[in-house]
Amino acid sequence: MSKSSHGKQTSPREAKLASEVLRDPNASNREHKLAGSVLSQVREHTETSQEMANFAAKIVDNPNASAAARSLAGSVLSQAEKQK
């Protein structure tokens, strides 16, 4: 699936959080995956793939997910194309 351009962009606050998560050796694989997705959209203005949106939605709905993971997942979902 190709990524198309849109007017949304990762906020500086979320980009900083994503950077911190990627440098944290104790962060989970899920957190690293979300952080990578968030940072890939800082300047690119690209949409989140449907696969990544589904992954992020599961994190948002998981009450056991960390605050950082849920925040990053929300950012990932905000970059996703809305389902019609």
Protein backbone atom coordinates (compact mmCIF):
# COMPACT_ATOMS: atom_id res chain seq x y z
CA MET A 1 0.00 0.00 0.00
CA SER A 2 1.47 3.36 -0.95
CA LYS A 3 1.40 6.27 1.39
CA SER A 4 -0.34 9.37 0.14
CA SER A 5 0.17 12.95 1.18
CA HIS A 6 -2.16 14.85 3.48
CA GLY A 7 -2.04 17.98 5.63
CA LYS A 8 -1.45 16.23 8.97
CA GLN A 9 1.91 16.22 10.69
CA THR A 10 3.35 14.80 13.90
CA SER A 11 3.47 17.41 16.67
CA PRO A 12 6.82 18.38 18.20
CA ARG A 13 5.64 16.98 21.55
CA GLU A 14 4.86 13.56 20.06
CA ALA A 15 8.09 13.59 18.05
CA LYS A 16 10.07 14.22 21.26
CA LEU A 17 8.23 11.41 23.06
CA ALA A 18 8.89 9.06 20.13
CA SER A 19 12.59 9.95 20.17
CA GLU A 20 12.79 9.27 23.91
CA VAL A 21 11.04 5.92 23.50
CA LEU A 22 13.44 4.84 20.76
CA ARG A 23 16.42 5.65 22.98
CA ASP A 24 14.93 3.85 25.99
CA PRO A 25 16.39 0.33 26.27
CA ASN A 26 13.48 -0.65 28.52
CA ALA A 27 10.78 0.36 26.03
CA SER A 28 8.77 -2.52 24.58
CA ASN A 29 8.86 -3.64 20.96
CA ARG A 30 5.34 -2.21 20.60
CA GLU A 31 6.51 1.19 21.83
CA HIS A 32 9.47 1.12 19.45
CA LYS A 33 7.21 0.22 16.52
CA LEU A 34 4.81 3.06 17.31
CA ALA A 35 7.64 5.53 17.88
CA GLY A 36 9.17 4.66 14.53
CA SER A 37 5.86 5.23 12.79
CA VAL A 38 5.38 8.59 14.54
CA LEU A 39 8.86 9.79 13.61
CA SER A 40 8.47 8.67 10.01
CA GLN A 41 5.67 11.22 9.67
CA VAL A 42 7.40 14.28 11.13
CA ARG A 43 8.26 15.84 7.76
CA GLU A 44 6.88 13.41 5.23
CA HIS A 45 3.19 14.33 5.57
CA THR A 46 2.33 10.71 4.84
CA GLU A 47 -0.62 8.71 6.05
CA THR A 48 -0.41 5.73 8.34
CA SER A 49 -0.88 2.37 6.63
CA GLN A 50 -4.03 0.44 7.46
CA GLU A 51 -1.90 -2.28 9.08
CA MET A 52 -0.23 0.22 11.40
CA ALA A 53 -3.57 1.92 12.15
CA ASN A 54 -5.03 -1.45 13.20
CA PHE A 55 -2.00 -2.09 15.42
CA ALA A 56 -2.30 1.36 17.01
CA ALA A 57 -6.04 0.92 17.60
CA LYS A 58 -5.35 -2.24 19.58
CA ILE A 59 -2.84 -0.35 21.75
CA VAL A 60 -5.27 2.50 22.42
CA ASP A 61 -7.91 -0.02 23.50
CA ASN A 62 -5.50 -1.95 25.74
CA PRO A 63 -5.85 -0.80 29.37
CA ASN A 64 -2.49 -2.43 30.17
CA ALA A 65 -0.56 -0.39 27.57
CA SER A 66 1.80 2.25 28.92
CA ALA A 67 0.90 5.92 28.76
CA ALA A 68 3.68 6.47 26.22
CA ALA A 69 2.41 3.66 23.99
CA ARG A 70 -1.16 4.96 24.13
CA SER A 71 -0.04 8.50 23.34
CA LEU A 72 2.07 7.35 20.39
CA ALA A 73 -0.78 5.13 19.18
CA GLY A 74 -3.11 8.12 19.25
CA SER A 75 -0.64 10.09 17.16
CA VAL A 76 -0.35 7.22 14.68
CA LEU A 77 -4.13 7.02 14.39
CA SER A 78 -4.42 10.77 13.85
CA GLN A 79 -2.27 10.34 10.74
CA ALA A 80 -4.42 7.53 9.35
CA GLU A 81 -6.93 7.99 6.59
CA LYS A 82 -10.47 7.97 7.93
CA GLN A 83 -12.52 4.89 7.03
CA LYS A 84 -15.60 5.68 4.97
